[in-house]
Structure formats: C-alpha cells, structure tokens
Amino acid sequence: MKSLTRLDANFSTSPQIDLEDLPDIKAAGFKSIICNRPDSEDGGIHPDHNLLEETAKKLGLEFAYLPVVPGQINDTNVATFKTVIANLPGPTMGYCRLGIRSKILYERSR
C-alpha cells in the first residue's frame, strides 16, 4: 500500500493506488475509497476508476468517483465531496495523483 497521510480517525489520503493496493487498504481497516483523479489525467496512464471500483466492491469496500482537475477545486466540488463522504462508511481513504486534492477537499469540507 502507498504511504498514507492520516488527517483524522475517519479520513486518510494516498497517492494514486493500484489494484494490488486494494487488499492492503481493506486490511488496514478502511471501509470506503474516494477517487479524486479524473481518468483522463496524464493521458490515462493510471488505472481507470471503474476497474478499481469493481475490484474494491468485490473486496467489500465502498467506492466513490469525484474527479477534480488539479488547481481547480471549487465550492461545488467541496459541497459534493461533503455529501459523498457523509454517505460512505468510514474510515475512508481518498486518493488522487499525490493525495493533495483529496486532502484539500476534506479540509475544506470541514
């Protein structure tokens, strides 16, 4: 599993995850994952969120896709994030390319 930044007992962030990380995420006690990275970012060389979501759900993890363009987080993104995280079982792990967008979204939603 990639290195995590724990923001509080209910939310941590991570850089981009891969399929191989999902069992470790589950074993670490997370119940949900939020993807904040658009599938098309960087030419789509990272795993598509649909594949990650399908595999995560097979492991019993909830998964939400809320793509945000780097440097363009707005109030609508924050409000949507707040709604999504309120409806997911915690603890939750958010990821994007480096984990920064997920961190900003979480902090602004508080």
C-alpha atoms as a PDB file:
ATOM      1  CA  MET A   1       0.000   0.000   0.000  1.00  0.00           C
ATOM      2  CA  LYS A   2       1.163   3.529  -0.764  1.00  0.00           C
ATOM      3  CA  SER A   3       2.110   5.803   2.117  1.00  0.00           C
ATOM      4  CA  LEU A   4      -0.911   7.380   3.745  1.00  0.00           C
ATOM      5  CA  THR A   5      -1.447  10.790   5.271  1.00  0.00           C
ATOM      6  CA  ARG A   6      -3.885  10.439   8.150  1.00  0.00           C
ATOM      7  CA  LEU A   7      -5.939  13.589   8.607  1.00  0.00           C
ATOM      8  CA  ASP A   8      -8.080  12.221  11.425  1.00  0.00           C
ATOM      9  CA  ALA A   9      -9.570   8.923  12.604  1.00  0.00           C
ATOM     10  CA  ASN A  10     -12.044   8.893   9.709  1.00  0.00           C
ATOM     11  CA  PHE A  11     -10.038  10.087   6.702  1.00  0.00           C
ATOM     12  CA  SER A  12      -6.636   9.488   5.156  1.00  0.00           C
ATOM     13  CA  THR A  13      -5.176  10.384   1.774  1.00  0.00           C
ATOM     14  CA  SER A  14      -2.939   8.499  -0.590  1.00  0.00           C
ATOM     15  CA  PRO A  15      -1.169   8.992  -3.886  1.00  0.00           C
ATOM     16  CA  GLN A  16      -2.556   7.054  -6.861  1.00  0.00           C
ATOM     17  CA  ILE A  17      -3.454   3.476  -5.921  1.00  0.00           C
ATOM     18  CA  ASP A  18      -3.259   0.306  -7.993  1.00  0.00           C
ATOM     19  CA  LEU A  19      -5.289  -2.899  -7.973  1.00  0.00           C
ATOM     20  CA  GLU A  20      -2.598  -4.552  -5.860  1.00  0.00           C
ATOM     21  CA  ASP A  21      -3.139  -1.950  -3.110  1.00  0.00           C
ATOM     22  CA  LEU A  22      -6.812  -2.759  -2.566  1.00  0.00           C
ATOM     23  CA  PRO A  23      -6.385  -5.831  -0.305  1.00  0.00           C
ATOM     24  CA  ASP A  24      -3.970  -3.833   1.870  1.00  0.00           C
ATOM     25  CA  ILE A  25      -6.410  -0.920   2.038  1.00  0.00           C
ATOM     26  CA  LYS A  26      -9.111  -3.327   3.199  1.00  0.00           C
ATOM     27  CA  ALA A  27      -6.743  -4.964   5.711  1.00  0.00           C
ATOM     28  CA  ALA A  28      -5.839  -1.526   7.104  1.00  0.00           C
ATOM     29  CA  GLY A  29      -9.476  -1.127   8.140  1.00  0.00           C
ATOM     30  CA  PHE A  30     -10.776   1.252   5.510  1.00  0.00           C
ATOM     31  CA  LYS A  31     -14.421   0.834   4.534  1.00  0.00           C
ATOM     32  CA  SER A  32     -14.528   3.299   1.644  1.00  0.00           C
ATOM     33  CA  ILE A  33     -12.392   4.847  -1.088  1.00  0.00           C
ATOM     34  CA  ILE A  34     -12.897   8.150  -2.907  1.00  0.00           C
ATOM     35  CA  CYS A  35     -11.141   8.716  -6.226  1.00  0.00           C
ATOM     36  CA  ASN A  36     -10.494  12.418  -6.865  1.00  0.00           C
ATOM     37  CA  ARG A  37      -8.445  11.892 -10.017  1.00  0.00           C
ATOM     38  CA  PRO A  38     -10.003  12.214 -13.483  1.00  0.00           C
ATOM     39  CA  ASP A  39      -9.464   9.078 -15.553  1.00  0.00           C
ATOM     40  CA  SER A  40      -8.131  11.193 -18.424  1.00  0.00           C
ATOM     41  CA  GLU A  41      -5.431  12.909 -16.328  1.00  0.00           C
ATOM     42  CA  ASP A  42      -1.886  12.306 -17.567  1.00  0.00           C
ATOM     43  CA  GLY A  43      -3.283  10.644 -20.663  1.00  0.00           C
ATOM     44  CA  GLY A  44      -4.993   7.974 -18.579  1.00  0.00           C
ATOM     45  CA  ILE A  45      -1.803   6.032 -17.818  1.00  0.00           C
ATOM     46  CA  HIS A  46      -3.061   5.258 -14.305  1.00  0.00           C
ATOM     47  CA  PRO A  47      -5.728   2.614 -13.553  1.00  0.00           C
ATOM     48  CA  ASP A  48      -9.240   3.568 -14.615  1.00  0.00           C
ATOM     49  CA  HIS A  49     -11.516   4.204 -11.641  1.00  0.00           C
ATOM     50  CA  ASN A  50     -14.092   1.699 -12.982  1.00  0.00           C
ATOM     51  CA  LEU A  51     -11.603  -1.156 -12.683  1.00  0.00           C
ATOM     52  CA  LEU A  52     -10.563  -0.059  -9.206  1.00  0.00           C
ATOM     53  CA  GLU A  53     -14.205   0.332  -8.161  1.00  0.00           C
ATOM     54  CA  GLU A  54     -15.168  -3.115  -9.438  1.00  0.00           C
ATOM     55  CA  THR A  55     -12.297  -4.775  -7.592  1.00  0.00           C
ATOM     56  CA  ALA A  56     -12.846  -2.710  -4.427  1.00  0.00           C
ATOM     57  CA  LYS A  57     -16.511  -3.705  -4.301  1.00  0.00           C
ATOM     58  CA  LYS A  58     -15.574  -7.383  -4.654  1.00  0.00           C
ATOM     59  CA  LEU A  59     -13.481  -6.883  -1.510  1.00  0.00           C
ATOM     60  CA  GLY A  60     -16.404  -5.268   0.325  1.00  0.00           C
ATOM     61  CA  LEU A  61     -15.158  -1.687   0.018  1.00  0.00           C
ATOM     62  CA  GLU A  62     -17.427   1.192  -0.980  1.00  0.00           C
ATOM     63  CA  PHE A  63     -16.096   3.384  -3.790  1.00  0.00           C
ATOM     64  CA  ALA A  64     -16.960   6.895  -4.981  1.00  0.00           C
ATOM     65  CA  TYR A  65     -15.680   8.757  -8.033  1.00  0.00           C
ATOM     66  CA  LEU A  66     -15.425  12.528  -7.658  1.00  0.00           C
ATOM     67  CA  PRO A  67     -12.861  13.704 -10.210  1.00  0.00           C
ATOM     68  CA  VAL A  68     -11.359  17.138  -9.666  1.00  0.00           C
ATOM     69  CA  VAL A  69      -8.978  18.902 -12.049  1.00  0.00           C
ATOM     70  CA  PRO A  70      -5.717  19.930 -10.347  1.00  0.00           C
ATOM     71  CA  GLY A  71      -5.764  23.539  -9.199  1.00  0.00           C
ATOM     72  CA  GLN A  72      -9.473  23.946  -9.969  1.00  0.00           C
ATOM     73  CA  ILE A  73     -11.203  22.878  -6.743  1.00  0.00           C
ATOM     74  CA  ASN A  74     -14.360  24.940  -6.355  1.00  0.00           C
ATOM     75  CA  ASP A  75     -17.233  25.235  -3.878  1.00  0.00           C
ATOM     76  CA  THR A  76     -19.348  22.768  -5.858  1.00  0.00           C
ATOM     77  CA  ASN A  77     -16.577  20.147  -5.636  1.00  0.00           C
ATOM     78  CA  VAL A  78     -16.314  20.718  -1.889  1.00  0.00           C
ATOM     79  CA  ALA A  79     -20.091  20.503  -1.353  1.00  0.00           C
ATOM     80  CA  THR A  80     -20.288  17.293  -3.409  1.00  0.00           C
ATOM     81  CA  PHE A  81     -17.337  15.824  -1.504  1.00  0.00           C
ATOM     82  CA  LYS A  82     -19.032  16.669   1.797  1.00  0.00           C
ATOM     83  CA  THR A  83     -22.207  14.864   0.705  1.00  0.00           C
ATOM     84  CA  VAL A  84     -20.315  11.845  -0.630  1.00  0.00           C
ATOM     85  CA  ILE A  85     -18.188  11.377   2.480  1.00  0.00           C
ATOM     86  CA  ALA A  86     -21.227  11.780   4.745  1.00  0.00           C
ATOM     87  CA  ASN A  87     -22.872   8.852   2.970  1.00  0.00           C
ATOM     88  CA  LEU A  88     -19.886   6.484   2.951  1.00  0.00           C
ATOM     89  CA  PRO A  89     -18.979   4.201   5.828  1.00  0.00           C
ATOM     90  CA  GLY A  90     -15.730   5.227   7.467  1.00  0.00           C
ATOM     91  CA  PRO A  91     -12.908   5.229   7.760  1.00  0.00           C
ATOM     92  CA  THR A  92     -12.395   6.483   4.223  1.00  0.00           C
ATOM     93  CA  MET A  93      -9.291   6.831   2.077  1.00  0.00           C
ATOM     94  CA  GLY A  94      -9.199   9.471  -0.656  1.00  0.00           C
ATOM     95  CA  TYR A  95      -6.679   9.398  -3.464  1.00  0.00           C
ATOM     96  CA  CYS A  96      -5.520  11.389  -6.459  1.00  0.00           C
ATOM     97  CA  ARG A  97      -2.105  11.705  -8.115  1.00  0.00           C
ATOM     98  CA  LEU A  98      -0.296  12.770  -4.931  1.00  0.00           C
ATOM     99  CA  GLY A  99      -3.110  12.904  -2.370  1.00  0.00           C
ATOM    100  CA  ILE A 100      -3.150  16.703  -2.259  1.00  0.00           C
ATOM    101  CA  ARG A 101      -6.554  17.263  -3.917  1.00  0.00           C
ATOM    102  CA  SER A 102      -8.137  14.710  -1.604  1.00  0.00           C
ATOM    103  CA  LYS A 103      -6.592  16.460   1.394  1.00  0.00           C
ATOM    104  CA  ILE A 104      -7.781  19.895   0.267  1.00  0.00           C
ATOM    105  CA  LEU A 105     -11.307  18.625  -0.411  1.00  0.00           C
ATOM    106  CA  TYR A 106     -11.507  17.017   3.015  1.00  0.00           C
ATOM    107  CA  GLU A 107     -10.126  20.033   4.848  1.00  0.00           C
ATOM    108  CA  ARG A 108     -12.408  22.465   3.007  1.00  0.00           C
ATOM    109  CA  SER A 109     -15.433  20.229   3.641  1.00  0.00           C
ATOM    110  CA  ARG A 110     -14.853  20.509   7.394  1.00  0.00           C
END
